[in-house]
Amino acid sequence: MTLSIHTNTAAMIALQNLNKTNDELTGVQNRLNTGLKISGAKDNSAIYAVAQNMRADIKALGAVQTSLDRATTIGDVALAAGEAISDLLVQMREKATAAMDPSIDTYSRGAYNADFRALLDQINVILQNAEFDGANILNGSIAGGIEFLADADASRSVTLKTQNLSLSGSVITISNSASLGTVTMATNLVSQIKTSLDNVNQSLANLGSDLKKIGAHSGFVGKLMDSLTEGVGNLVDADLAVEGARLQALQVKQQLGVQALSIANSQPQIILSLLRGG
């Protein structure tokens, strides 16, 4: 090997190797700091693009989950109100049946009617308060139903159908002015209450079916989000145990590289030794 004070080939090779080791060491430290083996497009552009698309899907599905949670809460509020109305109709039938008794006096009939009217008013109170986040699916203020997000592209929806339980409607046929003032009126009301109770219970069954469907879809969306999150992790997460072992190996390699460079840089001193020897 030629000895020269201008060109030290051994030192250049040692420096190249040391720089390569330093670059690898920086990469390992970044992976340990971030926990990611792919933290940017520069690391691997193809995998980074795929991971970003999956992250976008996860965020979009988060919005879908929020929409479905809102649907569930609106439905739960309506279901609780509907069940309360069903209970009131049971009590109203009791009052109306008692008022059918021709032997009761005017005072007793008036008491039954007062109780009946109070129960009727309570139905109206429940209907107007069966609301969540501005949505009431029981009082007839919304026609048809409410649509909620079903997929990440917002191209599909699930519907929570309205159940109009307003008085004098198709479900509850009893009017706001209903009274137990006479035996005939009470008799007619018993028939209406029986029909209305059957209708309300069917409406509750329909509402429960919608909520079950929404709950099942919400569970699917949650599992899909978990699967996508796991998929992103498989693509970009670093194996910290492996990276920790590589860090120690590279630190040793770096120290050896520094020593090799030091030895290579000392080789020109041989020329001085030769000259002194001459």
C-alpha atoms as a PDB file:
ATOM      1  CA  MET A   1       0.000   0.000   0.000  1.00  0.00           C
ATOM      2  CA  THR A   2       1.289   3.417  -0.985  1.00  0.00           C
ATOM      3  CA  LEU A   3       2.105   5.738   1.888  1.00  0.00           C
ATOM      4  CA  SER A   4       1.064   9.313   1.171  1.00  0.00           C
ATOM      5  CA  ILE A   5       0.422  12.456   3.219  1.00  0.00           C
ATOM      6  CA  HIS A   6      -2.154  13.602   0.629  1.00  0.00           C
ATOM      7  CA  THR A   7      -4.344  10.532   0.343  1.00  0.00           C
ATOM      8  CA  ASN A   8      -5.195   8.248   3.254  1.00  0.00           C
ATOM      9  CA  THR A   9      -7.370   5.521   1.705  1.00  0.00           C
ATOM     10  CA  ALA A  10      -7.705   3.587   4.941  1.00  0.00           C
ATOM     11  CA  ALA A  11      -8.992   6.682   6.758  1.00  0.00           C
ATOM     12  CA  MET A  12     -11.535   7.393   4.008  1.00  0.00           C
ATOM     13  CA  ILE A  13     -12.858   3.827   4.165  1.00  0.00           C
ATOM     14  CA  ALA A  14     -13.012   3.936   7.960  1.00  0.00           C
ATOM     15  CA  LEU A  15     -14.870   7.281   7.829  1.00  0.00           C
ATOM     16  CA  GLN A  16     -17.387   5.950   5.301  1.00  0.00           C
ATOM     17  CA  ASN A  17     -18.100   2.949   7.494  1.00  0.00           C
ATOM     18  CA  LEU A  18     -18.394   5.134  10.593  1.00  0.00           C
ATOM     19  CA  ASN A  19     -20.834   7.473   8.826  1.00  0.00           C
ATOM     20  CA  LYS A  20     -22.905   4.488   7.729  1.00  0.00           C
ATOM     21  CA  THR A  21     -22.979   3.202  11.294  1.00  0.00           C
ATOM     22  CA  ASN A  22     -23.996   6.642  12.563  1.00  0.00           C
ATOM     23  CA  ASP A  23     -26.852   6.781  10.032  1.00  0.00           C
ATOM     24  CA  GLU A  24     -28.067   3.336  11.098  1.00  0.00           C
ATOM     25  CA  LEU A  25     -27.778   4.357  14.737  1.00  0.00           C
ATOM     26  CA  THR A  26     -29.851   7.488  14.080  1.00  0.00           C
ATOM     27  CA  GLY A  27     -32.522   5.366  12.376  1.00  0.00           C
ATOM     28  CA  VAL A  28     -32.697   2.950  15.304  1.00  0.00           C
ATOM     29  CA  GLN A  29     -32.911   5.816  17.804  1.00  0.00           C
ATOM     30  CA  ASN A  30     -35.768   7.376  15.803  1.00  0.00           C
ATOM     31  CA  ARG A  31     -37.643   4.082  15.769  1.00  0.00           C
ATOM     32  CA  LEU A  32     -37.167   3.710  19.515  1.00  0.00           C
ATOM     33  CA  ASN A  33     -38.272   7.301  20.149  1.00  0.00           C
ATOM     34  CA  THR A  34     -41.393   7.117  17.962  1.00  0.00           C
ATOM     35  CA  GLY A  35     -42.198   3.430  18.267  1.00  0.00           C
ATOM     36  CA  LEU A  36     -42.598   3.395  14.478  1.00  0.00           C
ATOM     37  CA  LYS A  37     -40.540   1.712  11.825  1.00  0.00           C
ATOM     38  CA  ILE A  38     -42.351   3.815   9.181  1.00  0.00           C
ATOM     39  CA  SER A  39     -42.824   7.329  10.541  1.00  0.00           C
ATOM     40  CA  GLY A  40     -42.820   9.206   7.237  1.00  0.00           C
ATOM     41  CA  ALA A  41     -42.911   8.839   3.479  1.00  0.00           C
ATOM     42  CA  LYS A  42     -39.094   8.918   3.377  1.00  0.00           C
ATOM     43  CA  ASP A  43     -38.907   5.634   5.313  1.00  0.00           C
ATOM     44  CA  ASN A  44     -41.098   3.708   2.853  1.00  0.00           C
ATOM     45  CA  SER A  45     -43.410   5.723   0.618  1.00  0.00           C
ATOM     46  CA  ALA A  46     -45.674   2.821  -0.408  1.00  0.00           C
ATOM     47  CA  ILE A  47     -46.326   1.518   3.099  1.00  0.00           C
ATOM     48  CA  TYR A  48     -46.702   5.062   4.436  1.00  0.00           C
ATOM     49  CA  ALA A  49     -49.405   5.805   1.835  1.00  0.00           C
ATOM     50  CA  VAL A  50     -51.298   2.617   2.675  1.00  0.00           C
ATOM     51  CA  ALA A  51     -51.085   3.337   6.404  1.00  0.00           C
ATOM     52  CA  GLN A  52     -52.301   6.906   5.941  1.00  0.00           C
ATOM     53  CA  ASN A  53     -55.324   5.714   3.971  1.00  0.00           C
ATOM     54  CA  MET A  54     -56.120   3.228   6.713  1.00  0.00           C
ATOM     55  CA  ARG A  55     -55.760   5.949   9.342  1.00  0.00           C
ATOM     56  CA  ALA A  56     -58.219   8.088   7.361  1.00  0.00           C
ATOM     57  CA  ASP A  57     -60.688   5.185   7.331  1.00  0.00           C
ATOM     58  CA  ILE A  58     -60.301   4.781  11.092  1.00  0.00           C
ATOM     59  CA  LYS A  59     -61.034   8.477  11.680  1.00  0.00           C
ATOM     60  CA  ALA A  60     -64.057   8.316   9.371  1.00  0.00           C
ATOM     61  CA  LEU A  61     -65.339   5.230  11.161  1.00  0.00           C
ATOM     62  CA  GLY A  62     -64.947   7.132  14.422  1.00  0.00           C
ATOM     63  CA  ALA A  63     -67.444   9.662  13.050  1.00  0.00           C
ATOM     64  CA  VAL A  64     -69.745   6.780  12.065  1.00  0.00           C
ATOM     65  CA  GLN A  65     -69.487   5.381  15.594  1.00  0.00           C
ATOM     66  CA  THR A  66     -70.421   8.786  17.038  1.00  0.00           C
ATOM     67  CA  SER A  67     -73.446   8.963  14.734  1.00  0.00           C
ATOM     68  CA  LEU A  68     -74.557   5.464  15.743  1.00  0.00           C
ATOM     69  CA  ASP A  69     -74.080   6.297  19.429  1.00  0.00           C
ATOM     70  CA  ARG A  70     -76.360   9.297  18.927  1.00  0.00           C
ATOM     71  CA  ALA A  71     -78.937   7.057  17.242  1.00  0.00           C
ATOM     72  CA  THR A  72     -78.789   4.621  20.147  1.00  0.00           C
ATOM     73  CA  THR A  73     -79.299   7.357  22.721  1.00  0.00           C
ATOM     74  CA  ILE A  74     -82.217   8.909  20.815  1.00  0.00           C
ATOM     75  CA  GLY A  75     -83.789   5.466  20.534  1.00  0.00           C
ATOM     76  CA  ASP A  76     -83.189   4.629  24.198  1.00  0.00           C
ATOM     77  CA  VAL A  77     -84.856   7.872  25.301  1.00  0.00           C
ATOM     78  CA  ALA A  78     -87.819   7.169  23.013  1.00  0.00           C
ATOM     79  CA  LEU A  79     -88.040   3.578  24.234  1.00  0.00           C
ATOM     80  CA  ALA A  80     -88.100   4.650  27.873  1.00  0.00           C
ATOM     81  CA  ALA A  81     -90.813   7.212  27.111  1.00  0.00           C
ATOM     82  CA  GLY A  82     -92.846   4.684  25.128  1.00  0.00           C
ATOM     83  CA  GLU A  83     -92.692   2.154  27.935  1.00  0.00           C
ATOM     84  CA  ALA A  84     -93.871   4.835  30.380  1.00  0.00           C
ATOM     85  CA  ILE A  85     -96.788   5.660  28.057  1.00  0.00           C
ATOM     86  CA  SER A  86     -97.671   1.964  27.840  1.00  0.00           C
ATOM     87  CA  ASP A  87     -97.796   1.831  31.644  1.00  0.00           C
ATOM     88  CA  LEU A  88    -100.048   4.903  31.687  1.00  0.00           C
ATOM     89  CA  LEU A  89    -102.431   3.266  29.223  1.00  0.00           C
ATOM     90  CA  VAL A  90    -102.657   0.258  31.529  1.00  0.00           C
ATOM     91  CA  GLN A  91    -103.665   2.582  34.369  1.00  0.00           C
ATOM     92  CA  MET A  92    -106.109   4.421  32.102  1.00  0.00           C
ATOM     93  CA  ARG A  93    -107.809   1.161  31.191  1.00  0.00           C
ATOM     94  CA  GLU A  94    -108.231   0.423  34.885  1.00  0.00           C
ATOM     95  CA  LYS A  95    -109.891   3.831  35.436  1.00  0.00           C
ATOM     96  CA  ALA A  96    -112.113   3.469  32.367  1.00  0.00           C
ATOM     97  CA  THR A  97    -113.185  -0.038  33.355  1.00  0.00           C
ATOM     98  CA  ALA A  98    -114.068   1.154  36.851  1.00  0.00           C
ATOM     99  CA  ALA A  99    -116.072   4.042  35.336  1.00  0.00           C
ATOM    100  CA  MET A 100    -118.176   1.532  33.354  1.00  0.00           C
ATOM    101  CA  ASP A 101    -119.837   0.503  36.614  1.00  0.00           C
ATOM    102  CA  PRO A 102    -123.371   1.976  36.446  1.00  0.00           C
ATOM    103  CA  SER A 103    -123.733   1.808  40.216  1.00  0.00           C
ATOM    104  CA  ILE A 104    -121.112   4.413  41.099  1.00  0.00           C
ATOM    105  CA  ASP A 105    -122.274   7.891  42.083  1.00  0.00           C
ATOM    106  CA  THR A 106    -121.455  11.189  40.413  1.00  0.00           C
ATOM    107  CA  TYR A 107    -118.665  12.011  42.872  1.00  0.00           C
ATOM    108  CA  SER A 108    -116.876   8.701  42.306  1.00  0.00           C
ATOM    109  CA  ARG A 109    -117.249   9.026  38.530  1.00  0.00           C
ATOM    110  CA  GLY A 110    -115.780  12.519  38.738  1.00  0.00           C
ATOM    111  CA  ALA A 111    -112.829  11.197  40.719  1.00  0.00           C
ATOM    112  CA  TYR A 112    -112.175   8.474  38.144  1.00  0.00           C
ATOM    113  CA  ASN A 113    -112.424  11.022  35.365  1.00  0.00           C
ATOM    114  CA  ALA A 114    -110.009  13.379  37.127  1.00  0.00           C
ATOM    115  CA  ASP A 115    -107.475  10.567  37.496  1.00  0.00           C
ATOM    116  CA  PHE A 116    -108.023   9.601  33.850  1.00  0.00           C
ATOM    117  CA  ARG A 117    -107.476  13.182  32.669  1.00  0.00           C
ATOM    118  CA  ALA A 118    -104.312  13.457  34.754  1.00  0.00           C
ATOM    119  CA  LEU A 119    -102.951  10.316  33.115  1.00  0.00           C
ATOM    120  CA  LEU A 120    -103.871  11.723  29.706  1.00  0.00           C
ATOM    121  CA  ASP A 121    -101.995  14.938  30.468  1.00  0.00           C
ATOM    122  CA  GLN A 122     -99.005  12.926  31.628  1.00  0.00           C
ATOM    123  CA  ILE A 123     -98.837  11.221  28.226  1.00  0.00           C
ATOM    124  CA  ASN A 124     -98.525  14.643  26.593  1.00  0.00           C
ATOM    125  CA  VAL A 125     -95.793  15.653  29.047  1.00  0.00           C
ATOM    126  CA  ILE A 126     -93.812  12.486  28.324  1.00  0.00           C
ATOM    127  CA  LEU A 127     -94.203  12.924  24.554  1.00  0.00           C
ATOM    128  CA  GLN A 128     -92.836  16.455  24.614  1.00  0.00           C
ATOM    129  CA  ASN A 129     -89.878  15.490  26.809  1.00  0.00           C
ATOM    130  CA  ALA A 130     -88.852  12.336  24.930  1.00  0.00           C
ATOM    131  CA  GLU A 131     -86.100  14.273  23.185  1.00  0.00           C
ATOM    132  CA  PHE A 132     -82.346  13.990  22.898  1.00  0.00           C
ATOM    133  CA  ASP A 133     -80.084  16.420  21.059  1.00  0.00           C
ATOM    134  CA  GLY A 134     -83.069  18.097  19.420  1.00  0.00           C
ATOM    135  CA  ALA A 135     -84.560  14.857  18.076  1.00  0.00           C
ATOM    136  CA  ASN A 136     -87.949  13.512  19.180  1.00  0.00           C
ATOM    137  CA  ILE A 137     -89.242  10.481  17.298  1.00  0.00           C
ATOM    138  CA  LEU A 138     -92.449  10.073  19.320  1.00  0.00           C
ATOM    139  CA  ASN A 139     -94.336  13.380  19.067  1.00  0.00           C
ATOM    140  CA  GLY A 140     -94.811  13.537  15.288  1.00  0.00           C
ATOM    141  CA  SER A 141     -92.299  16.359  14.745  1.00  0.00           C
ATOM    142  CA  ILE A 142     -90.167  14.156  12.461  1.00  0.00           C
ATOM    143  CA  ALA A 143     -91.671  12.323   9.499  1.00  0.00           C
ATOM    144  CA  GLY A 144     -90.478   8.870   8.499  1.00  0.00           C
ATOM    145  CA  GLY A 145     -87.318   8.573  10.538  1.00  0.00           C
ATOM    146  CA  ILE A 146     -83.758   9.791  11.094  1.00  0.00           C
ATOM    147  CA  GLU A 147     -80.852   8.529   9.020  1.00  0.00           C
ATOM    148  CA  PHE A 148     -77.453   7.956  10.583  1.00  0.00           C
ATOM    149  CA  LEU A 149     -74.039   7.206   9.053  1.00  0.00           C
ATOM    150  CA  ALA A 150     -73.321   3.551   8.359  1.00  0.00           C
ATOM    151  CA  ASP A 151     -69.931   3.498   6.584  1.00  0.00           C
ATOM    152  CA  ALA A 152     -66.717   5.480   6.248  1.00  0.00           C
ATOM    153  CA  ASP A 153     -67.689   6.849   2.817  1.00  0.00           C
ATOM    154  CA  ALA A 154     -71.035   8.157   4.146  1.00  0.00           C
ATOM    155  CA  SER A 155     -72.655   6.396   1.173  1.00  0.00           C
ATOM    156  CA  ARG A 156     -74.911   4.216   3.307  1.00  0.00           C
ATOM    157  CA  SER A 157     -77.099   4.911   6.298  1.00  0.00           C
ATOM    158  CA  VAL A 158     -79.202   3.190   8.929  1.00  0.00           C
ATOM    159  CA  THR A 159     -82.626   4.559   9.786  1.00  0.00           C
ATOM    160  CA  LEU A 160     -84.251   4.954  13.169  1.00  0.00           C
ATOM    161  CA  LYS A 161     -87.924   5.089  12.244  1.00  0.00           C
ATOM    162  CA  THR A 162     -90.307   7.436  14.034  1.00  0.00           C
ATOM    163  CA  GLN A 163     -93.165   6.067  16.128  1.00  0.00           C
ATOM    164  CA  ASN A 164     -95.821   8.787  16.402  1.00  0.00           C
ATOM    165  CA  LEU A 165     -97.518   8.275  19.777  1.00  0.00           C
ATOM    166  CA  SER A 166     -99.376  11.576  19.760  1.00  0.00           C
ATOM    167  CA  LEU A 167    -102.939  11.536  21.055  1.00  0.00           C
ATOM    168  CA  SER A 168    -105.700  11.276  18.426  1.00  0.00           C
ATOM    169  CA  GLY A 169    -103.209   9.634  16.075  1.00  0.00           C
ATOM    170  CA  SER A 170    -103.029   6.308  14.318  1.00  0.00           C
ATOM    171  CA  VAL A 171    -101.296   4.631  17.279  1.00  0.00           C
ATOM    172  CA  ILE A 172    -102.998   6.235  20.268  1.00  0.00           C
ATOM    173  CA  THR A 173    -106.520   6.884  19.077  1.00  0.00           C
ATOM    174  CA  ILE A 174    -107.655   8.495  22.342  1.00  0.00           C
ATOM    175  CA  SER A 175    -108.351  12.226  21.949  1.00  0.00           C
ATOM    176  CA  ASN A 176    -107.160  15.004  24.222  1.00  0.00           C
ATOM    177  CA  SER A 177    -110.760  15.683  25.206  1.00  0.00           C
ATOM    178  CA  ALA A 178    -111.578  12.095  26.197  1.00  0.00           C
ATOM    179  CA  SER A 179    -113.713  11.793  29.319  1.00  0.00           C
ATOM    180  CA  LEU A 180    -115.254   9.166  31.610  1.00  0.00           C
ATOM    181  CA  GLY A 181    -118.321  11.319  32.244  1.00  0.00           C
ATOM    182  CA  THR A 182    -120.825   8.578  31.404  1.00  0.00           C
ATOM    183  CA  VAL A 183    -120.977   4.796  31.245  1.00  0.00           C
ATOM    184  CA  THR A 184    -121.228   4.964  27.454  1.00  0.00           C
ATOM    185  CA  MET A 185    -118.180   7.225  27.182  1.00  0.00           C
ATOM    186  CA  ALA A 186    -116.209   4.956  29.512  1.00  0.00           C
ATOM    187  CA  THR A 187    -117.237   1.886  27.501  1.00  0.00           C
ATOM    188  CA  ASN A 188    -116.088   3.459  24.249  1.00  0.00           C
ATOM    189  CA  LEU A 189    -112.815   4.521  25.854  1.00  0.00           C
ATOM    190  CA  VAL A 190    -112.047   1.015  27.104  1.00  0.00           C
ATOM    191  CA  SER A 191    -112.183  -0.211  23.524  1.00  0.00           C
ATOM    192  CA  GLN A 192    -109.950   2.675  22.345  1.00  0.00           C
ATOM    193  CA  ILE A 193    -107.477   2.121  25.169  1.00  0.00           C
ATOM    194  CA  LYS A 194    -107.187  -1.593  24.361  1.00  0.00           C
ATOM    195  CA  THR A 195    -106.503  -0.800  20.698  1.00  0.00           C
ATOM    196  CA  SER A 196    -104.089   2.008  21.598  1.00  0.00           C
ATOM    197  CA  LEU A 197    -102.217  -0.218  24.041  1.00  0.00           C
ATOM    198  CA  ASP A 198    -101.778  -2.906  21.393  1.00  0.00           C
ATOM    199  CA  ASN A 199    -100.575  -0.258  18.925  1.00  0.00           C
ATOM    200  CA  VAL A 200     -98.120   1.277  21.411  1.00  0.00           C
ATOM    201  CA  ASN A 201     -96.668  -2.115  22.268  1.00  0.00           C
ATOM    202  CA  GLN A 202     -96.205  -2.837  18.559  1.00  0.00           C
ATOM    203  CA  SER A 203     -94.495   0.537  18.127  1.00  0.00           C
ATOM    204  CA  LEU A 204     -92.170  -0.314  21.009  1.00  0.00           C
ATOM    205  CA  ALA A 205     -91.398  -3.645  19.351  1.00  0.00           C
ATOM    206  CA  ASN A 206     -90.589  -1.821  16.093  1.00  0.00           C
ATOM    207  CA  LEU A 207     -88.389   0.655  17.936  1.00  0.00           C
ATOM    208  CA  GLY A 208     -86.624  -2.135  19.794  1.00  0.00           C
ATOM    209  CA  SER A 209     -85.958  -3.897  16.493  1.00  0.00           C
ATOM    210  CA  ASP A 210     -84.418  -0.728  15.030  1.00  0.00           C
ATOM    211  CA  LEU A 211     -82.234  -0.280  18.101  1.00  0.00           C
ATOM    212  CA  LYS A 212     -81.084  -3.892  17.941  1.00  0.00           C
ATOM    213  CA  LYS A 213     -80.104  -3.408  14.291  1.00  0.00           C
ATOM    214  CA  ILE A 214     -78.248  -0.183  15.092  1.00  0.00           C
ATOM    215  CA  GLY A 215     -76.511  -1.820  18.055  1.00  0.00           C
ATOM    216  CA  ALA A 216     -75.354  -4.723  15.898  1.00  0.00           C
ATOM    217  CA  HIS A 217     -73.998  -2.347  13.265  1.00  0.00           C
ATOM    218  CA  SER A 218     -72.274  -0.257  15.927  1.00  0.00           C
ATOM    219  CA  GLY A 219     -70.558  -3.406  17.201  1.00  0.00           C
ATOM    220  CA  PHE A 220     -69.419  -4.241  13.671  1.00  0.00           C
ATOM    221  CA  VAL A 221     -68.008  -0.729  13.170  1.00  0.00           C
ATOM    222  CA  GLY A 222     -66.117  -1.010  16.453  1.00  0.00           C
ATOM    223  CA  LYS A 223     -64.578  -4.342  15.420  1.00  0.00           C
ATOM    224  CA  LEU A 224     -63.704  -2.927  12.008  1.00  0.00           C
ATOM    225  CA  MET A 225     -61.920   0.019  13.635  1.00  0.00           C
ATOM    226  CA  ASP A 226     -59.976  -2.387  15.867  1.00  0.00           C
ATOM    227  CA  SER A 227     -58.979  -4.497  12.850  1.00  0.00           C
ATOM    228  CA  LEU A 228     -57.816  -1.462  10.872  1.00  0.00           C
ATOM    229  CA  THR A 229     -55.887  -0.135  13.868  1.00  0.00           C
ATOM    230  CA  GLU A 230     -54.174  -3.502  14.222  1.00  0.00           C
ATOM    231  CA  GLY A 231     -53.445  -3.472  10.486  1.00  0.00           C
ATOM    232  CA  VAL A 232     -51.792  -0.055  10.693  1.00  0.00           C
ATOM    233  CA  GLY A 233     -49.744  -1.283  13.629  1.00  0.00           C
ATOM    234  CA  ASN A 234     -48.567  -4.314  11.682  1.00  0.00           C
ATOM    235  CA  LEU A 235     -47.443  -2.025   8.865  1.00  0.00           C
ATOM    236  CA  VAL A 236     -45.685   0.757  10.741  1.00  0.00           C
ATOM    237  CA  ASP A 237     -45.000  -0.261  14.355  1.00  0.00           C
ATOM    238  CA  ALA A 238     -41.420  -1.043  15.272  1.00  0.00           C
ATOM    239  CA  ASP A 239     -40.372  -4.168  17.166  1.00  0.00           C
ATOM    240  CA  LEU A 240     -38.831  -2.406  20.149  1.00  0.00           C
ATOM    241  CA  ALA A 241     -37.095  -5.541  21.436  1.00  0.00           C
ATOM    242  CA  VAL A 242     -35.298  -5.972  18.112  1.00  0.00           C
ATOM    243  CA  GLU A 243     -34.497  -2.277  17.883  1.00  0.00           C
ATOM    244  CA  GLY A 244     -33.111  -2.254  21.428  1.00  0.00           C
ATOM    245  CA  ALA A 245     -30.761  -5.104  20.580  1.00  0.00           C
ATOM    246  CA  ARG A 246     -29.698  -3.349  17.362  1.00  0.00           C
ATOM    247  CA  LEU A 247     -29.020  -0.150  19.301  1.00  0.00           C
ATOM    248  CA  GLN A 248     -26.541  -1.902  21.568  1.00  0.00           C
ATOM    249  CA  ALA A 249     -24.840  -3.623  18.621  1.00  0.00           C
ATOM    250  CA  LEU A 250     -24.541  -0.356  16.671  1.00  0.00           C
ATOM    251  CA  GLN A 251     -23.146   1.496  19.688  1.00  0.00           C
ATOM    252  CA  VAL A 252     -20.371  -1.108  19.923  1.00  0.00           C
ATOM    253  CA  LYS A 253     -19.856  -0.887  16.150  1.00  0.00           C
ATOM    254  CA  GLN A 254     -19.638   2.899  16.414  1.00  0.00           C
ATOM    255  CA  GLN A 255     -16.949   2.692  19.082  1.00  0.00           C
ATOM    256  CA  LEU A 256     -14.963   0.226  16.970  1.00  0.00           C
ATOM    257  CA  GLY A 257     -15.372   2.532  13.941  1.00  0.00           C
ATOM    258  CA  VAL A 258     -13.964   5.464  15.895  1.00  0.00           C
ATOM    259  CA  GLN A 259     -10.986   3.357  16.910  1.00  0.00           C
ATOM    260  CA  ALA A 260     -10.471   2.159  13.326  1.00  0.00           C
ATOM    261  CA  LEU A 261     -10.537   5.728  12.062  1.00  0.00           C
ATOM    262  CA  SER A 262      -8.046   6.750  14.715  1.00  0.00           C
ATOM    263  CA  ILE A 263      -5.680   3.953  13.641  1.00  0.00           C
ATOM    264  CA  ALA A 264      -6.076   4.901   9.969  1.00  0.00           C
ATOM    265  CA  ASN A 265      -5.335   8.549  10.719  1.00  0.00           C
ATOM    266  CA  SER A 266      -2.139   7.572  12.526  1.00  0.00           C
ATOM    267  CA  GLN A 267      -0.698   5.772   9.482  1.00  0.00           C
ATOM    268  CA  PRO A 268       0.932   8.927   7.986  1.00  0.00           C
ATOM    269  CA  GLN A 269       3.048   9.045  11.136  1.00  0.00           C
ATOM    270  CA  ILE A 270       4.895   6.063   9.682  1.00  0.00           C
ATOM    271  CA  ILE A 271       6.383   8.440   7.068  1.00  0.00           C
ATOM    272  CA  LEU A 272       7.932  10.559   9.848  1.00  0.00           C
ATOM    273  CA  SER A 273       9.360   7.428  11.437  1.00  0.00           C
ATOM    274  CA  LEU A 274      10.948   6.464   8.101  1.00  0.00           C
ATOM    275  CA  LEU A 275      12.428   9.923   7.646  1.00  0.00           C
ATOM    276  CA  ARG A 276      13.805   9.984  11.165  1.00  0.00           C
ATOM    277  CA  GLY A 277      15.250   6.570  10.563  1.00  0.00           C
ATOM    278  CA  GLY A 278      17.009   7.858   7.404  1.00  0.00           C
END
